[in-house]
N, C-alpha and C. Protein backbone atom coordinates (compact mmCIF):
# COMPACT_ATOMS: atom_id res chain seq x y z
N MET A 1 -110.07 -3.13 -95.94
CA MET A 1 -110.62 -3.00 -97.24
C MET A 1 -111.43 -1.64 -96.92
N LYS A 2 -111.36 -0.61 -97.62
CA LYS A 2 -112.35 0.63 -97.57
C LYS A 2 -113.63 0.48 -98.02
N LYS A 3 -114.54 0.93 -97.45
CA LYS A 3 -115.91 0.92 -97.63
C LYS A 3 -116.08 1.86 -98.52
N ILE A 4 -116.90 1.64 -99.54
CA ILE A 4 -117.14 2.75 -100.59
C ILE A 4 -118.60 3.28 -100.18
N THR A 5 -118.57 4.41 -99.91
CA THR A 5 -119.68 5.31 -99.71
C THR A 5 -121.01 5.34 -100.81
N PHE A 6 -122.12 5.66 -100.38
CA PHE A 6 -123.11 5.85 -101.58
C PHE A 6 -122.71 7.15 -102.23
N ALA A 7 -122.16 7.94 -101.81
CA ALA A 7 -121.71 9.25 -102.33
C ALA A 7 -121.00 8.84 -103.40
N GLU A 8 -119.81 8.05 -103.02
CA GLU A 8 -118.72 7.45 -104.24
C GLU A 8 -119.29 6.85 -105.33
N ARG A 9 -120.36 5.87 -104.84
CA ARG A 9 -120.98 4.85 -105.91
C ARG A 9 -121.88 5.91 -106.84
N LEU A 10 -122.55 6.67 -106.23
CA LEU A 10 -123.43 7.76 -106.96
C LEU A 10 -122.41 8.45 -108.07
N LYS A 11 -121.48 8.86 -107.62
CA LYS A 11 -120.44 9.62 -108.52
C LYS A 11 -120.05 8.74 -109.76
N GLU A 12 -119.73 7.67 -109.27
CA GLU A 12 -119.19 6.61 -110.09
C GLU A 12 -120.27 6.05 -111.18
N ALA A 13 -121.45 6.02 -110.71
CA ALA A 13 -122.67 5.55 -111.65
C ALA A 13 -122.96 6.97 -112.57
N ARG A 14 -122.80 7.94 -112.17
CA ARG A 14 -122.91 9.10 -112.97
C ARG A 14 -121.89 9.36 -114.09
N LYS A 15 -120.73 8.98 -113.66
CA LYS A 15 -119.53 9.04 -114.60
C LYS A 15 -119.68 7.90 -115.73
N SER A 16 -120.15 6.81 -115.11
CA SER A 16 -120.21 5.63 -116.12
C SER A 16 -121.29 5.93 -117.08
N ALA A 17 -122.52 6.59 -116.61
CA ALA A 17 -123.46 7.06 -117.52
C ALA A 17 -123.20 8.22 -118.55
N LYS A 18 -121.81 8.55 -118.29
CA LYS A 18 -121.24 9.62 -119.02
C LYS A 18 -122.35 10.82 -118.97
N LEU A 19 -122.52 11.26 -117.66
CA LEU A 19 -123.49 12.40 -117.36
C LEU A 19 -122.80 13.46 -116.54
N SER A 20 -122.95 14.70 -116.74
CA SER A 20 -122.20 15.71 -115.82
C SER A 20 -123.28 15.97 -114.52
N GLN A 21 -122.93 16.54 -113.70
CA GLN A 21 -123.77 16.83 -112.53
C GLN A 21 -124.98 17.55 -112.86
N GLU A 22 -124.58 18.56 -113.90
CA GLU A 22 -125.70 19.17 -114.36
C GLU A 22 -126.75 18.52 -115.18
N ALA A 23 -126.01 17.62 -116.12
CA ALA A 23 -127.01 16.71 -116.94
C ALA A 23 -128.06 16.00 -116.20
N LEU A 24 -127.53 15.24 -115.23
CA LEU A 24 -128.09 14.26 -114.29
C LEU A 24 -129.08 15.18 -113.57
N ALA A 25 -128.77 16.21 -112.86
CA ALA A 25 -129.92 17.19 -112.25
C ALA A 25 -131.06 17.56 -113.22
N LYS A 26 -130.70 17.81 -114.54
CA LYS A 26 -131.68 18.18 -115.45
C LYS A 26 -132.67 16.92 -115.93
N LYS A 27 -131.78 15.87 -115.71
CA LYS A 27 -132.69 14.58 -116.22
C LYS A 27 -133.71 14.12 -115.04
N ILE A 28 -133.49 14.44 -113.92
CA ILE A 28 -134.24 14.14 -112.68
C ILE A 28 -134.90 15.37 -112.18
N GLY A 29 -134.84 16.40 -112.81
CA GLY A 29 -135.67 17.65 -112.16
C GLY A 29 -134.97 18.36 -110.84
N ARG A 30 -133.52 18.26 -110.60
CA ARG A 30 -133.13 18.80 -109.58
C ARG A 30 -132.00 19.55 -109.97
N THR A 31 -131.44 20.34 -108.99
CA THR A 31 -130.30 21.33 -109.33
C THR A 31 -128.83 20.67 -109.19
N LYS A 32 -127.84 21.09 -110.12
CA LYS A 32 -126.59 20.45 -109.94
C LYS A 32 -126.05 20.91 -108.48
N SER A 33 -126.27 21.71 -107.69
CA SER A 33 -125.88 21.82 -106.29
C SER A 33 -126.55 20.52 -105.53
N THR A 34 -127.78 20.03 -105.68
CA THR A 34 -128.36 19.22 -105.19
C THR A 34 -127.52 17.75 -105.45
N ILE A 35 -127.31 17.51 -106.54
CA ILE A 35 -126.25 16.23 -107.13
C ILE A 35 -124.81 16.30 -106.48
N SER A 36 -124.31 17.81 -106.24
CA SER A 36 -123.05 17.70 -105.76
C SER A 36 -123.12 17.64 -104.18
N ARG A 37 -124.17 17.86 -103.56
CA ARG A 37 -124.24 17.50 -102.06
C ARG A 37 -124.52 16.07 -101.80
N TRP A 38 -125.33 15.39 -102.80
CA TRP A 38 -125.22 13.91 -102.60
C TRP A 38 -123.95 13.30 -102.72
N GLU A 39 -123.24 13.87 -104.02
CA GLU A 39 -121.92 13.01 -104.16
C GLU A 39 -120.90 13.59 -103.24
N SER A 40 -121.03 14.51 -102.38
CA SER A 40 -119.82 14.90 -101.31
C SER A 40 -120.38 14.29 -100.26
N GLY A 41 -121.74 13.80 -99.97
CA GLY A 41 -121.98 12.98 -98.81
C GLY A 41 -122.71 13.99 -97.64
N GLU A 42 -122.88 15.17 -98.25
CA GLU A 42 -123.36 16.19 -97.25
C GLU A 42 -124.88 15.73 -97.07
N ARG A 43 -125.59 15.28 -98.09
CA ARG A 43 -126.93 15.09 -98.09
C ARG A 43 -127.19 13.59 -98.85
N ASN A 44 -128.26 13.09 -98.43
CA ASN A 44 -128.77 11.87 -99.09
C ASN A 44 -130.03 12.02 -100.01
N PRO A 45 -130.44 11.36 -100.99
CA PRO A 45 -131.56 11.65 -101.58
C PRO A 45 -132.69 10.93 -100.82
N LYS A 46 -133.84 11.40 -101.10
CA LYS A 46 -135.16 10.84 -100.58
C LYS A 46 -135.47 9.48 -101.30
N MET A 47 -136.43 8.78 -100.80
CA MET A 47 -136.86 7.52 -101.48
C MET A 47 -137.15 7.78 -103.01
N PHE A 48 -138.17 8.84 -103.30
CA PHE A 48 -138.65 9.12 -104.69
C PHE A 48 -137.52 9.53 -105.59
N GLU A 49 -136.35 10.09 -104.99
CA GLU A 49 -135.52 10.75 -105.84
C GLU A 49 -134.48 9.39 -105.88
N MET A 50 -134.42 8.42 -105.21
CA MET A 50 -133.63 7.11 -105.74
C MET A 50 -134.30 6.55 -106.90
N VAL A 51 -135.49 6.46 -106.87
CA VAL A 51 -136.38 6.00 -108.19
C VAL A 51 -135.92 6.98 -109.37
N GLU A 52 -135.89 7.95 -109.27
CA GLU A 52 -135.51 8.81 -110.46
C GLU A 52 -134.07 8.68 -110.84
N LEU A 53 -133.20 8.47 -109.58
CA LEU A 53 -131.74 7.91 -110.05
C LEU A 53 -131.65 6.77 -110.62
N GLU A 54 -132.42 5.77 -110.32
CA GLU A 54 -132.44 4.45 -110.85
C GLU A 54 -132.67 4.72 -112.37
N ASN A 55 -133.78 5.58 -112.50
CA ASN A 55 -134.37 5.54 -114.02
C ASN A 55 -133.14 6.30 -114.80
N ALA A 56 -132.73 7.37 -114.36
CA ALA A 56 -131.66 8.09 -115.07
C ALA A 56 -130.35 7.48 -115.22
N LEU A 57 -130.03 6.67 -114.36
CA LEU A 57 -128.63 6.07 -114.24
C LEU A 57 -128.75 4.57 -114.87
N GLY A 58 -129.82 3.89 -114.86
CA GLY A 58 -129.79 2.68 -115.23
C GLY A 58 -129.37 1.47 -114.36
N ILE A 59 -129.36 2.01 -112.98
CA ILE A 59 -128.86 0.95 -111.98
C ILE A 59 -129.87 1.07 -110.84
N ASN A 60 -129.99 0.12 -110.07
CA ASN A 60 -131.03 -0.10 -109.27
C ASN A 60 -130.42 0.36 -107.94
N ALA A 61 -131.37 0.88 -107.23
CA ALA A 61 -130.98 1.72 -105.79
C ALA A 61 -130.05 0.85 -104.94
N GLU A 62 -130.42 -0.40 -104.76
CA GLU A 62 -129.83 -1.28 -103.80
C GLU A 62 -128.23 -1.32 -104.27
N ALA A 63 -128.17 -1.24 -105.48
CA ALA A 63 -126.56 -1.28 -106.19
C ALA A 63 -125.95 -0.14 -105.59
N LEU A 64 -126.59 1.08 -105.81
CA LEU A 64 -126.29 2.44 -105.27
C LEU A 64 -125.89 2.52 -103.94
N ILE A 65 -126.99 2.13 -102.93
CA ILE A 65 -126.63 2.18 -101.61
C ILE A 65 -125.64 1.10 -100.86
N TYR A 66 -125.97 0.14 -101.45
CA TYR A 66 -125.13 -1.17 -100.58
C TYR A 66 -124.11 -1.49 -101.44
N GLY A 67 -123.85 -1.24 -102.69
CA GLY A 67 -122.79 -1.77 -103.82
C GLY A 67 -122.88 -3.20 -104.00
N THR A 68 -124.20 -3.80 -104.25
CA THR A 68 -124.27 -5.00 -104.52
C THR A 68 -123.87 -5.52 -105.92
N GLU A 69 -123.77 -4.55 -106.80
CA GLU A 69 -123.37 -5.04 -107.95
C GLU A 69 -122.22 -4.10 -108.61
N GLU A 70 -121.39 -4.37 -109.68
CA GLU A 70 -120.67 -3.42 -110.23
C GLU A 70 -121.24 -2.46 -111.01
N ILE A 71 -120.73 -1.24 -111.01
CA ILE A 71 -121.45 -0.06 -111.68
C ILE A 71 -120.81 -0.19 -113.06
N LYS A 72 -121.76 -0.26 -113.92
CA LYS A 72 -121.25 -0.18 -115.23
C LYS A 72 -122.40 0.30 -116.11
N SER A 73 -122.09 0.69 -117.38
CA SER A 73 -122.94 1.23 -118.30
C SER A 73 -123.98 0.17 -118.76
N SER A 74 -125.28 0.38 -118.33
CA SER A 74 -126.19 -0.63 -118.71
C SER A 74 -126.87 -0.33 -120.12
N THR A 75 -127.74 -1.15 -120.65
CA THR A 75 -128.38 -0.98 -122.02
C THR A 75 -129.34 0.38 -121.70
N LEU A 76 -130.12 0.29 -120.43
CA LEU A 76 -131.04 1.47 -120.15
C LEU A 76 -130.11 2.85 -120.10
N THR A 77 -128.90 2.88 -119.46
CA THR A 77 -128.14 4.04 -119.60
C THR A 77 -127.85 4.35 -121.07
N GLU A 78 -127.50 3.32 -121.91
CA GLU A 78 -126.90 3.73 -123.12
C GLU A 78 -128.11 4.42 -123.94
N ILE A 79 -129.48 3.88 -123.87
CA ILE A 79 -130.89 4.24 -124.37
C ILE A 79 -130.75 5.74 -123.89
N ASN A 80 -130.81 6.00 -122.46
CA ASN A 80 -130.94 7.13 -122.02
C ASN A 80 -129.94 8.34 -122.72
N LYS A 81 -128.80 7.73 -122.78
CA LYS A 81 -127.81 9.05 -123.41
C LYS A 81 -128.18 9.34 -124.88
N ILE A 82 -128.67 8.44 -125.71
CA ILE A 82 -129.10 8.71 -126.82
C ILE A 82 -130.48 9.72 -126.87
N ILE A 83 -131.53 9.17 -126.17
CA ILE A 83 -132.80 9.64 -125.84
C ILE A 83 -132.64 11.32 -125.66
N VAL A 84 -131.78 11.82 -124.76
CA VAL A 84 -131.59 13.21 -124.22
C VAL A 84 -131.13 13.82 -125.37
N GLN A 85 -130.61 13.38 -126.50
CA GLN A 85 -130.24 14.10 -127.67
C GLN A 85 -131.13 14.32 -128.88
N LEU A 86 -132.11 13.78 -128.46
CA LEU A 86 -133.18 13.83 -129.55
C LEU A 86 -134.11 15.22 -129.27
N THR A 87 -134.72 15.53 -130.36
CA THR A 87 -135.78 16.53 -129.96
C THR A 87 -136.96 15.93 -129.53
N ASP A 88 -137.91 16.95 -129.12
CA ASP A 88 -139.08 16.38 -128.49
C ASP A 88 -140.17 15.45 -129.49
N SER A 89 -140.03 15.78 -130.88
CA SER A 89 -140.58 15.15 -131.71
C SER A 89 -139.93 13.84 -132.02
N GLN A 90 -138.81 13.73 -132.05
CA GLN A 90 -138.14 12.48 -132.17
C GLN A 90 -138.20 11.51 -130.98
N GLN A 91 -138.25 12.05 -129.59
CA GLN A 91 -138.65 11.08 -128.62
C GLN A 91 -139.88 10.74 -128.69
N GLU A 92 -141.08 11.52 -129.07
CA GLU A 92 -142.32 10.84 -129.30
C GLU A 92 -142.47 9.84 -130.32
N GLN A 93 -141.51 9.98 -131.41
CA GLN A 93 -141.63 8.77 -132.11
C GLN A 93 -140.90 7.64 -131.66
N VAL A 94 -139.85 7.83 -130.85
CA VAL A 94 -139.28 6.63 -130.03
C VAL A 94 -140.01 6.07 -129.22
N LEU A 95 -141.01 6.78 -128.32
CA LEU A 95 -142.15 6.35 -127.55
C LEU A 95 -143.02 5.80 -128.10
N ASN A 96 -143.71 6.11 -129.24
CA ASN A 96 -144.77 5.35 -130.03
C ASN A 96 -144.18 4.28 -130.58
N PHE A 97 -142.96 4.22 -131.02
CA PHE A 97 -142.49 2.94 -131.49
C PHE A 97 -142.32 1.79 -130.39
N ILE A 98 -141.92 2.17 -129.22
CA ILE A 98 -141.80 1.09 -128.24
C ILE A 98 -142.89 0.90 -127.36
N LYS A 99 -143.84 1.71 -127.73
CA LYS A 99 -145.49 1.26 -127.13
C LYS A 99 -146.16 0.05 -127.77
N ASN A 100 -145.45 0.03 -129.02
CA ASN A 100 -146.13 -1.07 -130.06
C ASN A 100 -145.27 -2.37 -129.82
N PRO A 101 -145.83 -3.57 -129.45
CA PRO A 101 -145.30 -4.65 -129.21
C PRO A 101 -144.48 -5.11 -130.70
N LEU A 102 -143.20 -5.76 -130.41
CA LEU A 102 -142.50 -6.05 -131.51
C LEU A 102 -143.24 -7.52 -132.08
N ASP A 103 -143.38 -7.58 -133.38
CA ASP A 103 -143.87 -8.92 -133.58
C ASP A 103 -142.76 -9.72 -134.17
N ASP A 104 -143.03 -10.97 -134.57
CA ASP A 104 -142.01 -11.92 -134.87
C ASP A 104 -141.24 -11.56 -136.24
N ASN A 105 -142.08 -10.85 -137.18
CA ASN A 105 -141.02 -10.51 -138.40
C ASN A 105 -140.15 -9.48 -137.74
N ILE A 106 -140.39 -8.62 -137.11
CA ILE A 106 -139.21 -7.51 -136.84
C ILE A 106 -138.24 -8.21 -135.93
N LEU A 107 -138.57 -9.10 -134.75
CA LEU A 107 -137.58 -10.04 -134.24
C LEU A 107 -136.73 -10.97 -134.94
N ASN A 108 -137.50 -11.41 -136.15
CA ASN A 108 -136.43 -12.35 -136.92
C ASN A 108 -135.35 -11.51 -137.75
N THR A 109 -136.02 -10.22 -138.23
CA THR A 109 -135.22 -9.38 -139.03
C THR A 109 -134.11 -8.93 -138.19
N ILE A 110 -134.38 -8.57 -137.03
CA ILE A 110 -133.31 -8.28 -136.19
C ILE A 110 -132.11 -9.30 -135.68
N ASP A 111 -132.77 -10.48 -135.72
CA ASP A 111 -131.76 -11.73 -135.80
C ASP A 111 -131.12 -11.75 -136.73
N MET A 112 -131.61 -11.76 -137.96
CA MET A 112 -130.97 -11.83 -139.22
C MET A 112 -129.75 -10.78 -139.56
N MET A 113 -130.27 -9.56 -138.90
CA MET A 113 -129.31 -8.31 -139.15
C MET A 113 -128.22 -8.52 -138.10
N SER A 114 -128.27 -9.33 -136.88
CA SER A 114 -127.20 -9.45 -136.15
C SER A 114 -126.33 -10.37 -136.64
N LYS A 115 -126.66 -11.22 -137.26
CA LYS A 115 -125.76 -12.25 -138.03
C LYS A 115 -125.25 -11.93 -139.37
N ALA A 116 -125.57 -10.69 -140.08
CA ALA A 116 -125.14 -10.44 -141.26
C ALA A 116 -123.63 -9.59 -140.96
N ASP A 117 -123.16 -9.46 -142.30
CA ASP A 117 -121.81 -8.87 -142.27
C ASP A 117 -122.15 -7.16 -142.27
N ASP A 118 -121.06 -6.46 -142.16
CA ASP A 118 -121.20 -5.02 -142.21
C ASP A 118 -121.86 -4.52 -143.53
N LYS A 119 -121.29 -5.06 -144.65
CA LYS A 119 -121.53 -4.47 -146.03
C LYS A 119 -123.35 -4.52 -146.21
N PHE A 120 -123.61 -5.72 -145.85
CA PHE A 120 -125.23 -5.95 -146.01
C PHE A 120 -125.81 -5.14 -145.10
N ARG A 121 -125.31 -5.07 -143.86
CA ARG A 121 -126.09 -4.06 -142.94
C ARG A 121 -126.12 -2.49 -143.36
N ASP A 122 -125.10 -2.25 -143.99
CA ASP A 122 -124.89 -0.97 -144.36
C ASP A 122 -126.00 -0.65 -145.37
N LYS A 123 -126.18 -1.67 -146.27
CA LYS A 123 -127.01 -1.57 -147.45
C LYS A 123 -128.38 -1.44 -146.88
N VAL A 124 -128.86 -2.42 -145.87
CA VAL A 124 -130.20 -2.21 -145.31
C VAL A 124 -130.43 -0.89 -144.47
N ALA A 125 -129.39 -0.64 -143.89
CA ALA A 125 -129.58 1.01 -143.24
C ALA A 125 -129.85 1.93 -143.98
N SER A 126 -129.03 1.90 -145.35
CA SER A 126 -129.15 2.97 -146.27
C SER A 126 -130.73 2.74 -146.89
N TYR A 127 -131.03 1.68 -147.09
CA TYR A 127 -132.50 1.46 -147.71
C TYR A 127 -133.54 2.03 -146.36
N ALA A 128 -133.29 1.61 -145.45
CA ALA A 128 -134.16 2.12 -144.32
C ALA A 128 -134.27 3.54 -144.17
N LYS A 129 -133.03 4.16 -144.30
CA LYS A 129 -133.06 5.58 -144.32
C LYS A 129 -133.87 6.12 -145.41
N PHE A 130 -133.49 5.72 -146.56
CA PHE A 130 -134.45 6.31 -147.58
C PHE A 130 -135.94 6.16 -147.51
N GLU A 131 -136.43 4.97 -147.07
CA GLU A 131 -137.85 4.57 -146.82
C GLU A 131 -138.27 5.52 -145.76
N TYR A 132 -137.52 5.90 -144.71
CA TYR A 132 -138.05 6.78 -143.76
C TYR A 132 -138.16 8.08 -144.40
N PHE A 133 -137.22 8.60 -145.20
CA PHE A 133 -137.22 9.75 -145.70
C PHE A 133 -138.39 9.88 -146.61
N GLU A 134 -138.89 9.05 -147.43
CA GLU A 134 -139.87 9.02 -148.18
C GLU A 134 -141.13 9.00 -147.37
N TYR A 135 -141.31 8.18 -146.26
CA TYR A 135 -142.48 8.45 -145.64
C TYR A 135 -142.66 9.76 -144.75
N GLU A 136 -141.68 10.32 -144.36
CA GLU A 136 -141.72 11.66 -143.91
C GLU A 136 -142.10 12.62 -144.92
N LYS A 137 -141.74 12.51 -146.19
CA LYS A 137 -141.84 13.45 -147.20
C LYS A 137 -143.46 13.40 -147.42
N LYS A 138 -143.84 12.21 -147.50
CA LYS A 138 -145.46 11.96 -147.65
C LYS A 138 -146.19 12.34 -146.64
N LEU A 139 -145.73 12.12 -145.40
CA LEU A 139 -146.70 12.87 -144.18
C LEU A 139 -146.66 14.35 -144.22
N GLU A 140 -145.57 15.02 -144.71
CA GLU A 140 -145.35 16.41 -144.74
C GLU A 140 -146.53 16.79 -145.73
N GLN A 141 -146.48 16.20 -146.84
CA GLN A 141 -147.47 16.41 -148.21
C GLN A 141 -148.70 16.29 -147.65
N LYS A 142 -149.08 15.32 -147.04
CA LYS A 142 -150.23 15.14 -146.27
C LYS A 142 -150.77 16.19 -145.36
N ASN A 143 -149.83 16.74 -144.34
CA ASN A 143 -150.06 17.60 -143.61
C ASN A 143 -150.52 19.23 -144.15
N LYS A 144 -149.49 19.15 -145.15
CA LYS A 144 -149.60 20.47 -146.11
C LYS A 144 -151.25 20.61 -146.64
N SER A 145 -151.51 19.33 -147.06
CA SER A 145 -152.87 19.24 -147.72
C SER A 145 -153.91 19.72 -146.87
N LYS A 146 -153.84 19.20 -145.61
CA LYS A 146 -154.78 19.30 -144.57
C LYS A 146 -154.88 20.73 -144.34
N GLN A 147 -153.62 21.37 -144.10
CA GLN A 147 -153.74 22.84 -143.90
C GLN A 147 -154.30 23.66 -144.77
N ASN A 148 -154.01 23.18 -146.09
CA ASN A 148 -154.39 23.90 -147.37
C ASN A 148 -156.14 23.88 -147.32
N SER A 149 -156.63 22.59 -147.04
CA SER A 149 -157.92 22.34 -147.04
C SER A 149 -158.71 23.06 -145.91
N ALA A 150 -158.06 23.18 -144.78
CA ALA A 150 -158.77 24.04 -143.59
C ALA A 150 -158.68 25.33 -144.00
N SER A 151 -157.59 25.84 -144.79
CA SER A 151 -157.72 27.44 -144.89
C SER A 151 -158.78 27.80 -145.69
């Protein structure tokens, strides 16, 4: 049985996360050629770079180094894929949201939504989008008022 190298596992994890070498490099502040060297086995990442790879790929370093678990897309990987597509402002909003602990009402709502049918979920999603739009509109008006009063 062929032993799978770190380089091969890294490449597999990157592809599982649906990231190009360039996208992974950007996420961890390295160059595409660095990622290429790691994936070819020419070089290995340093310890602090392994931590960055863990965070970017959503897989622990032990799995990358020793192959202790199957490499598959994790929840963190899925979140990362979405987050990188957001604007800085949207990322800030997500960060603020996750910093606040979820209370029981939100958890109960999430549980109820997971059990609901598609039609009901669509209605709730439409309502939530409308409410968020209204909130953004009020926030924008409030900011304009502040700017006008500052002038």
